[in-house]
């Protein structure tokens, strides 16, 4: 029986672990096959406060883990494939550990960027391929960039990237964009944005000495293959929250993100808290994830100590 179990080891989960360990709650942290979350695929992190020269993503996450361990957090590796929130203690099934029990849960399983699934994409992630303009746009000052996608997020990222790039080329597999009219208009009015519609991405092409050369696409109108040269490729086709293991036991929004009572980390089930990208589809930054991890830990600590943390019956 564990007082609190934290699912996930991104910035939110590790921050929650630091706070709960310092409060002597002896948290057990379940880390999946990608410890550290999305930051481990980012090379330089320059927008996390306290690191004026920047820090490598994997190094930042390793430091946060060591900090949690220093205060007594325990880490167990495995994949959470099922939970039972219908009774207390909560039951968590981990593929490598079997069934575990906990009085409370902090869910920080994050969200995963949707990828194209083409050759060269994963191999060059963080080395010319990115899924976060806010994180990596600065590194492409005065360079050519391709943004793949046709929704609001793609238009938003393309407009943002024009602050740095010499040209941003939007590639979309259809003639019609899915983005709202206002977002389309903003992109079309931006002189730094060019268009590659009816183009199907086929392969991320690299240079002989390493680094991205461009994106090979198929022209749907002519059937011909083309190489669109670029220094960086940003994939902006959306994210999906990692909530499949919950099997609908927590209230989520229409996109599948866990809903929390505003101003808290409390979910629709008493004793279960959510933080980080699994409940935030707007900001998706390391610093905001860490902030919600702190909130989840403090809410959870009060809950475990029997203090009031608000009305759990409040509708979401």
Protein backbone atom coordinates (compact mmCIF):
# COMPACT_ATOMS: atom_id res chain seq x y z
CA UNK A 1 0.00 0.00 0.00
CA UNK A 2 1.43 3.35 -1.08
CA UNK A 3 0.25 6.76 0.11
CA UNK A 4 0.62 8.30 -3.32
CA UNK A 5 1.60 7.03 -6.73
CA UNK A 6 2.72 9.32 -9.54
CA UNK A 7 2.23 8.12 -13.09
CA UNK A 8 4.74 9.74 -15.44
CA UNK A 9 8.16 11.39 -15.20
CA UNK A 10 7.96 14.57 -17.22
CA UNK A 11 8.40 18.03 -15.62
CA UNK A 12 4.99 17.82 -13.93
CA UNK A 13 5.42 14.33 -12.48
CA UNK A 14 8.94 15.00 -11.24
CA UNK A 15 7.94 18.32 -9.68
CA UNK A 16 5.08 16.57 -7.90
CA UNK A 17 7.54 13.92 -6.73
CA UNK A 18 9.91 16.56 -5.31
CA UNK A 19 7.14 18.29 -3.36
CA UNK A 20 5.52 15.10 -2.07
CA UNK A 21 8.85 13.56 -1.09
CA UNK A 22 9.81 16.69 0.85
CA UNK A 23 6.44 16.44 2.62
CA UNK A 24 7.39 12.89 3.70
CA UNK A 25 4.60 11.32 1.65
CA UNK A 26 6.98 8.69 0.24
CA UNK A 27 5.76 8.91 -3.35
CA UNK A 28 6.26 6.02 -5.75
CA UNK A 29 6.83 7.18 -9.31
CA UNK A 30 6.03 4.90 -12.24
CA UNK A 31 8.15 5.77 -15.25
CA UNK A 32 7.30 4.37 -18.64
CA UNK A 33 9.52 3.52 -21.61
CA UNK A 34 10.34 7.22 -22.23
CA UNK A 35 11.48 8.61 -18.84
CA UNK A 36 11.51 12.38 -18.82
CA UNK A 37 8.76 12.83 -21.39
CA UNK A 38 9.02 15.00 -24.49
CA UNK A 39 11.91 17.08 -23.12
CA UNK A 40 14.23 14.13 -23.58
CA UNK A 41 13.82 14.58 -27.36
CA UNK A 42 14.80 18.27 -27.16
CA UNK A 43 18.45 19.18 -27.40
CA UNK A 44 18.72 22.70 -25.96
CA UNK A 45 16.17 24.14 -23.52
CA UNK A 46 16.66 27.91 -23.32
CA UNK A 47 13.34 29.05 -21.85
CA UNK A 48 13.36 27.24 -18.49
CA UNK A 49 14.12 29.81 -15.76
CA UNK A 50 17.39 29.49 -13.91
CA UNK A 51 19.59 28.41 -16.82
CA UNK A 52 20.91 31.57 -18.50
CA UNK A 53 23.07 29.57 -20.91
CA UNK A 54 20.37 26.96 -21.54
CA UNK A 55 20.45 23.29 -20.63
CA UNK A 56 20.06 20.03 -22.53
CA UNK A 57 16.58 18.55 -22.21
CA UNK A 58 17.75 15.14 -20.98
CA UNK A 59 20.09 16.81 -18.46
CA UNK A 60 17.28 18.96 -17.06
CA UNK A 61 15.05 15.94 -16.56
CA UNK A 62 17.88 13.92 -15.02
CA UNK A 63 18.52 16.73 -12.54
CA UNK A 64 14.84 16.86 -11.59
CA UNK A 65 14.81 13.12 -11.04
CA UNK A 66 17.92 13.23 -8.85
CA UNK A 67 16.32 16.01 -6.82
CA UNK A 68 13.22 13.88 -6.22
CA UNK A 69 15.35 10.87 -5.29
CA UNK A 70 17.36 12.98 -2.86
CA UNK A 71 14.18 13.60 -0.84
CA UNK A 72 13.13 9.95 -0.89
CA UNK A 73 10.96 9.44 -3.98
CA UNK A 74 11.06 5.86 -5.26
CA UNK A 75 11.10 5.10 -8.98
CA UNK A 76 9.76 1.95 -10.58
CA UNK A 77 9.89 1.18 -14.28
CA UNK A 78 6.95 -0.21 -16.16
CA UNK A 79 3.97 0.54 -18.37
CA UNK A 80 0.66 1.32 -16.69
CA UNK A 81 -1.91 -0.49 -18.78
CA UNK A 82 -4.93 -0.41 -16.47
CA UNK A 83 -6.25 1.32 -13.36
CA UNK A 84 -9.30 0.78 -11.17
CA UNK A 85 -10.62 4.04 -9.71
CA UNK A 86 -13.96 2.60 -8.59
CA UNK A 87 -12.74 1.63 -5.12
CA UNK A 88 -10.18 2.62 -2.52
CA UNK A 89 -7.37 1.97 -2.39
CA UNK A 90 -6.94 2.61 -6.09
CA UNK A 91 -5.47 -0.25 -8.05
CA UNK A 92 -2.83 0.29 -10.69
CA UNK A 93 -1.69 -2.50 -12.96
CA UNK A 94 1.89 -2.18 -14.24
CA UNK A 95 3.05 -4.66 -16.88
CA UNK A 96 6.39 -5.39 -15.20
CA UNK A 97 5.22 -5.17 -11.58
CA UNK A 98 1.70 -6.53 -11.45
CA UNK A 99 -1.03 -4.83 -9.41
CA UNK A 100 -0.12 -2.01 -7.00
CA UNK A 101 -2.35 -0.14 -4.55
CA UNK A 102 -2.34 3.53 -3.61
CA UNK A 103 -4.42 5.85 -1.45
CA UNK A 104 -4.07 8.63 -4.01
CA UNK A 105 -2.90 9.11 -7.59
CA UNK A 106 -1.18 11.91 -9.46
CA UNK A 107 -1.58 11.42 -13.19
CA UNK A 108 1.11 13.13 -15.26
CA UNK A 109 1.28 10.89 -18.31
CA UNK A 110 1.53 13.80 -20.73
CA UNK A 111 0.50 14.10 -24.34
CA UNK A 112 2.26 12.82 -27.42
CA UNK A 113 2.69 14.79 -30.62
CA UNK A 114 1.11 13.10 -33.60
CA UNK A 115 3.76 12.20 -36.14
CA UNK A 116 3.69 11.64 -39.88
CA UNK A 117 5.18 8.16 -39.71
CA UNK A 118 7.54 8.70 -42.61
CA UNK A 119 11.21 7.65 -42.99
CA UNK A 120 13.72 9.99 -41.39
CA UNK A 121 11.20 11.63 -39.07
CA UNK A 122 11.91 9.96 -35.74
CA UNK A 123 15.61 9.56 -36.49
CA UNK A 124 16.00 13.33 -36.82
CA UNK A 125 13.74 14.42 -33.98
CA UNK A 126 15.58 17.20 -32.16
CA UNK A 127 18.14 17.31 -34.97
CA UNK A 128 16.17 19.26 -37.56
CA UNK A 129 12.70 17.82 -36.96
CA UNK A 130 10.56 19.30 -34.19
CA UNK A 131 7.00 19.31 -32.88
CA UNK A 132 7.29 22.52 -30.83
CA UNK A 133 7.82 25.92 -32.44
CA UNK A 134 7.98 27.70 -29.07
CA UNK A 135 10.72 25.32 -27.93
CA UNK A 136 12.89 25.26 -31.03
CA UNK A 137 12.01 28.17 -33.30
CA UNK A 138 14.85 30.33 -31.98
CA UNK A 139 17.42 27.94 -33.45
CA UNK A 140 16.23 28.64 -37.00
CA UNK A 141 16.92 32.34 -37.24
CA UNK A 142 17.24 33.42 -40.91
CA UNK A 143 16.74 29.84 -42.11
CA UNK A 144 14.13 28.07 -44.22
CA UNK A 145 11.47 26.10 -42.39
CA UNK A 146 8.70 23.72 -43.41
CA UNK A 147 5.56 23.38 -41.28
CA UNK A 148 3.45 20.30 -41.97
CA UNK A 149 -0.24 20.57 -41.17
CA UNK A 150 -3.45 22.33 -42.11
CA UNK A 151 -5.17 23.06 -38.81
CA UNK A 152 -5.14 25.98 -36.39
CA UNK A 153 -2.01 24.71 -34.63
CA UNK A 154 -0.10 24.58 -37.93
CA UNK A 155 -1.14 28.14 -38.83
CA UNK A 156 -0.25 29.37 -35.35
CA UNK A 157 3.16 27.69 -35.43
CA UNK A 158 3.88 28.97 -38.93
CA UNK A 159 3.08 32.56 -37.95
CA UNK A 160 5.20 32.24 -34.81
CA UNK A 161 8.15 30.83 -36.75
CA UNK A 162 8.20 33.81 -39.13
CA UNK A 163 9.69 35.78 -36.20
CA UNK A 164 12.88 33.82 -36.79
CA UNK A 165 12.89 32.14 -40.19
CA UNK A 166 13.59 33.75 -43.53
CA UNK A 167 10.74 31.72 -45.03
CA UNK A 168 8.13 29.32 -43.71
CA UNK A 169 6.61 26.89 -46.20
CA UNK A 170 3.34 25.24 -45.14
CA UNK A 171 2.82 21.74 -46.50
CA UNK A 172 -0.63 20.16 -46.42
CA UNK A 173 -1.89 17.03 -48.10
CA UNK A 174 -5.15 18.63 -49.24
CA UNK A 175 -6.17 21.74 -51.14
CA UNK A 176 -8.47 22.87 -48.35
CA UNK A 177 -7.13 23.77 -44.91
CA UNK A 178 -8.84 22.65 -41.70
CA UNK A 179 -7.87 25.80 -39.84
CA UNK A 180 -10.44 28.42 -38.89
CA UNK A 181 -10.87 31.28 -41.34
CA UNK A 182 -9.23 33.84 -39.09
CA UNK A 183 -6.14 31.65 -38.69
CA UNK A 184 -5.99 30.98 -42.42
CA UNK A 185 -6.26 34.69 -43.17
CA UNK A 186 -3.43 35.55 -40.80
CA UNK A 187 -1.17 32.99 -42.45
CA UNK A 188 -2.09 34.04 -45.99
CA UNK A 189 -1.45 37.70 -45.18
CA UNK A 190 2.02 36.94 -43.79
CA UNK A 191 4.61 37.74 -46.48
CA UNK A 192 7.10 35.22 -45.06
CA UNK A 193 4.71 32.26 -45.50
CA UNK A 194 4.54 30.27 -48.75
CA UNK A 195 2.31 27.32 -49.57
CA UNK A 196 2.64 23.72 -50.67
CA UNK A 197 -0.90 22.37 -50.82
CA UNK A 198 -1.87 18.99 -52.25
CA UNK A 199 1.54 17.68 -51.19
CA UNK A 200 1.86 14.38 -49.33
CA UNK A 201 4.98 14.12 -47.10
CA UNK A 202 7.00 11.01 -47.96
CA UNK A 203 10.45 11.28 -46.36
CA UNK A 204 12.69 13.56 -44.32
CA UNK A 205 15.84 13.87 -46.42
CA UNK A 206 19.18 14.45 -44.72
CA UNK A 207 22.51 15.83 -45.86
CA UNK A 208 25.55 13.61 -46.33
CA UNK A 209 27.28 15.16 -43.33
CA UNK A 210 24.18 15.09 -41.17
CA UNK A 211 21.35 17.54 -40.66
CA UNK A 212 18.07 18.00 -42.49
CA UNK A 213 18.18 18.81 -46.18
CA UNK A 214 14.46 18.95 -46.82
CA UNK A 215 11.17 17.11 -47.17
CA UNK A 216 10.36 14.78 -50.05
CA UNK A 217 6.69 15.12 -51.01
CA UNK A 218 4.35 13.74 -53.64
CA UNK A 219 2.44 16.24 -55.73
CA UNK A 220 -1.13 14.91 -55.78
CA UNK A 221 -1.98 16.90 -58.88
CA UNK A 222 0.88 15.59 -61.06
CA UNK A 223 1.97 12.46 -59.20
CA UNK A 224 5.56 13.70 -59.30
CA UNK A 225 7.91 13.56 -56.32
CA UNK A 226 9.51 16.80 -55.21
CA UNK A 227 12.21 17.76 -52.71
CA UNK A 228 11.32 20.86 -50.75
CA UNK A 229 14.59 22.12 -49.31
CA UNK A 230 14.59 23.38 -45.70
CA UNK A 231 16.83 23.63 -42.65
CA UNK A 232 14.10 22.51 -40.28
CA UNK A 233 10.78 20.67 -40.40
CA UNK A 234 8.05 21.29 -37.84
CA UNK A 235 5.27 18.71 -37.62
CA UNK A 236 2.07 20.39 -36.45
CA UNK A 237 -0.72 17.88 -36.90
CA UNK A 238 -1.88 17.85 -33.29
CA UNK A 239 -1.33 15.99 -30.02
CA UNK A 240 -3.16 13.19 -28.26
CA UNK A 241 -3.25 12.89 -24.45
CA UNK A 242 -1.94 9.65 -22.97
CA UNK A 243 -5.16 8.65 -21.25
CA UNK A 244 -6.10 5.36 -22.92
CA UNK A 245 -5.29 3.35 -19.79
CA UNK A 246 -8.02 5.22 -17.86
CA UNK A 247 -10.77 3.68 -19.98
CA UNK A 248 -13.11 6.59 -19.37
CA UNK A 249 -12.94 6.53 -15.56
CA UNK A 250 -12.11 10.26 -15.36
CA UNK A 251 -13.98 13.10 -16.96
CA UNK A 252 -12.22 14.42 -20.06
CA UNK A 253 -12.95 17.16 -22.56
CA UNK A 254 -13.85 16.64 -26.20
CA UNK A 255 -10.15 16.25 -27.09
CA UNK A 256 -9.56 13.59 -24.45
CA UNK A 257 -7.62 15.74 -21.97
CA UNK A 258 -8.39 15.18 -18.28
CA UNK A 259 -10.56 17.92 -16.84
CA UNK A 260 -9.62 19.48 -13.51
CA UNK A 261 -11.61 21.80 -11.28
CA UNK A 262 -10.40 25.31 -12.24
CA UNK A 263 -7.58 26.58 -10.07
CA UNK A 264 -6.78 23.10 -8.77
CA UNK A 265 -5.38 19.75 -9.89
CA UNK A 266 -8.47 17.85 -8.68
CA UNK A 267 -10.18 15.55 -11.17
CA UNK A 268 -13.68 14.10 -11.20
CA UNK A 269 -12.63 11.30 -8.82
CA UNK A 270 -11.77 12.13 -5.22
CA UNK A 271 -8.12 11.41 -4.46
CA UNK A 272 -7.01 11.56 -8.09
CA UNK A 273 -5.08 14.56 -9.35
CA UNK A 274 -3.85 15.47 -12.83
CA UNK A 275 -1.04 17.76 -13.96
CA UNK A 276 1.03 18.62 -17.00
CA UNK A 277 0.15 18.11 -20.64
CA UNK A 278 -2.37 15.36 -19.88
CA UNK A 279 -4.70 18.12 -18.69
CA UNK A 280 -3.30 21.11 -20.60
CA UNK A 281 -3.74 21.36 -24.36
CA UNK A 282 -3.13 25.10 -24.49
CA UNK A 283 0.35 25.92 -23.14
CA UNK A 284 2.26 22.60 -23.24
CA UNK A 285 5.47 24.09 -21.80
CA UNK A 286 7.90 22.58 -19.32
CA UNK A 287 7.49 25.48 -16.90
CA UNK A 288 3.68 25.36 -16.91
CA UNK A 289 3.78 21.58 -16.50
CA UNK A 290 6.09 21.97 -13.51
CA UNK A 291 3.71 24.53 -12.02
CA UNK A 292 0.73 22.20 -12.24
CA UNK A 293 2.88 19.42 -10.78
CA UNK A 294 3.41 21.62 -7.72
CA UNK A 295 -0.36 22.24 -7.52
CA UNK A 296 -1.11 18.51 -7.75
CA UNK A 297 1.38 17.71 -5.00
CA UNK A 298 0.03 20.34 -2.64
CA UNK A 299 -3.57 19.31 -3.28
CA UNK A 300 -2.63 15.67 -2.78
CA UNK A 301 -0.75 16.38 0.46
CA UNK A 302 -3.77 18.17 1.93
CA UNK A 303 -6.01 15.32 0.85
CA UNK A 304 -3.81 12.69 2.49
CA UNK A 305 -3.63 14.69 5.70
CA UNK A 306 -7.40 14.94 5.84
CA UNK A 307 -7.48 18.67 5.24
CA UNK A 308 -10.20 20.19 3.08
CA UNK A 309 -9.16 20.68 -0.51
CA UNK A 310 -12.53 21.93 -1.67
CA UNK A 311 -15.80 20.49 -2.78
CA UNK A 312 -15.22 17.33 -4.83
CA UNK A 313 -18.83 17.40 -5.95
CA UNK A 314 -18.24 20.68 -7.77
CA UNK A 315 -19.12 20.12 -11.39
CA UNK A 316 -16.38 20.38 -13.97
